[in-house]
Amino acid sequence: MVLPTSVGGITTGVMLAIARITGETAPVLLLVWGTNFINANPFQDPQASLPMYIYLQYSTAAAPSAAYDRAWAAALTLIAFIMILNLVARGIARWKAPKTGR
C-alpha cells in the first residue's frame, strides 16, 4: 500500500539529486576529484566531470579561442542535461501521483 504511493516521490528525489550533483562543482570535486581523462572504472582513480571540464577550459584559455567555445558548449550541455532530468522527474511524479477521486 505504501510503496506504490511513494514510488513517484522516491524516483523524483533521486533524479533531482542526480541533477543537482551534476550541476554543482564542489560535491563532485570532493567526491571524485578531477582528471583530464575519462575513467571507465568509477571505483578506481579520479573521474572526469562536466563542471570541472568547463572550469579547466575557461581558465586555461589565453584569449578568445576554441577553449571558450568548448567551455560554453559544455555549459549548454550541462544545462540541457539538468533540464531533461528535471522534466523526466516531474513526468514520473505526475504519472505515479496518487489519483484523487474528483
Protein backbone atom coordinates (compact mmCIF):
# COMPACT_ATOMS: atom_id res chain seq x y z
CA MET A 1 0.00 0.00 0.00
CA VAL A 2 2.73 2.46 0.93
CA LEU A 3 5.29 1.54 -1.73
CA PRO A 4 3.12 2.19 -4.83
CA THR A 5 2.16 5.57 -3.42
CA SER A 6 5.75 6.58 -2.61
CA VAL A 7 7.48 5.36 -5.80
CA GLY A 8 6.86 8.66 -7.58
CA GLY A 9 8.32 10.73 -4.76
CA ILE A 10 11.34 8.48 -4.32
CA THR A 11 12.09 8.48 -8.04
CA THR A 12 11.68 12.24 -8.24
CA GLY A 13 14.01 12.75 -5.28
CA VAL A 14 16.70 10.50 -6.72
CA MET A 15 16.58 12.14 -10.16
CA LEU A 16 16.64 15.65 -8.72
CA ALA A 17 19.59 14.71 -6.50
CA ILE A 18 21.49 13.43 -9.54
CA ALA A 19 20.67 16.60 -11.46
CA ARG A 20 21.81 18.77 -8.58
CA ILE A 21 25.07 16.88 -8.11
CA THR A 22 25.92 17.19 -11.79
CA GLY A 23 25.32 20.93 -11.60
CA GLU A 24 27.41 21.68 -8.55
CA THR A 25 31.16 21.51 -8.84
CA ALA A 26 32.03 21.35 -5.13
CA PRO A 27 30.36 18.00 -4.32
CA VAL A 28 31.75 16.47 -7.49
CA LEU A 29 35.27 17.67 -6.70
CA LEU A 30 35.04 16.42 -3.12
CA LEU A 31 33.76 13.00 -4.17
CA VAL A 32 35.69 12.19 -7.34
CA TRP A 33 38.41 14.88 -7.57
CA GLY A 34 39.22 15.66 -11.17
CA THR A 35 41.16 14.50 -14.18
CA ASN A 36 41.51 15.35 -17.83
CA PHE A 37 40.88 11.76 -18.88
CA ILE A 38 37.75 9.63 -18.96
CA ASN A 39 37.94 6.82 -16.44
CA ALA A 40 35.98 3.69 -17.39
CA ASN A 41 36.05 2.34 -13.80
CA PRO A 42 34.26 4.74 -11.43
CA PHE A 43 35.59 2.88 -8.38
CA GLN A 44 39.26 3.43 -9.21
CA ASP A 45 41.26 6.62 -9.82
CA PRO A 46 39.84 10.14 -10.35
CA GLN A 47 36.80 10.68 -12.57
CA ALA A 48 36.19 13.48 -15.06
CA SER A 49 33.19 15.77 -14.57
CA LEU A 50 31.50 18.30 -16.81
CA PRO A 51 31.70 21.24 -14.34
CA MET A 52 35.42 20.62 -13.94
CA TYR A 53 35.84 20.48 -17.72
CA ILE A 54 34.08 23.85 -18.05
CA TYR A 55 36.36 25.37 -15.43
CA LEU A 56 39.53 23.97 -16.99
CA GLN A 57 38.58 25.11 -20.50
CA TYR A 58 37.64 28.60 -19.38
CA SER A 59 40.57 29.14 -17.03
CA THR A 60 43.33 27.87 -19.30
CA ALA A 61 42.37 29.84 -22.42
CA ALA A 62 44.65 32.80 -23.05
CA ALA A 63 42.47 34.80 -25.44
CA PRO A 64 39.12 34.21 -27.16
CA SER A 65 39.77 30.84 -28.66
CA ALA A 66 38.30 27.41 -29.22
CA ALA A 67 38.65 26.72 -25.48
CA TYR A 68 35.99 29.34 -24.73
CA ASP A 69 33.71 27.75 -27.31
CA ARG A 70 34.23 24.33 -25.73
CA ALA A 71 33.51 25.76 -22.27
CA TRP A 72 30.25 27.35 -23.43
CA ALA A 73 29.23 24.19 -25.29
CA ALA A 74 29.88 22.11 -22.17
CA ALA A 75 27.85 24.59 -20.08
CA LEU A 76 24.95 24.31 -22.53
CA THR A 77 25.21 20.52 -22.39
CA LEU A 78 25.13 20.61 -18.59
CA ILE A 79 22.07 22.89 -18.56
CA ALA A 80 20.28 20.69 -21.11
CA PHE A 81 21.11 17.53 -19.13
CA ILE A 82 19.76 19.01 -15.90
CA MET A 83 16.64 20.31 -17.65
CA ILE A 84 15.93 16.87 -19.14
CA LEU A 85 16.39 15.17 -15.77
CA ASN A 86 14.03 17.65 -14.12
CA LEU A 87 11.40 17.17 -16.81
CA VAL A 88 11.64 13.38 -16.54
CA ALA A 89 11.35 13.60 -12.74
CA ARG A 90 8.25 15.80 -13.00
CA GLY A 91 6.73 13.43 -15.54
CA ILE A 92 7.31 10.41 -13.31
CA ALA A 93 5.96 12.28 -10.29
CA ARG A 94 2.82 13.25 -12.19
CA TRP A 95 2.42 9.73 -13.61
CA LYS A 96 2.89 7.99 -10.24
CA ALA A 97 1.00 10.55 -8.12
CA PRO A 98 -1.95 9.15 -6.20
CA LYS A 99 -5.18 9.59 -8.10
CA THR A 100 -7.80 11.74 -6.42
CA GLY A 101 -11.46 10.84 -6.64
CA ARG A 102 -12.55 14.19 -8.05
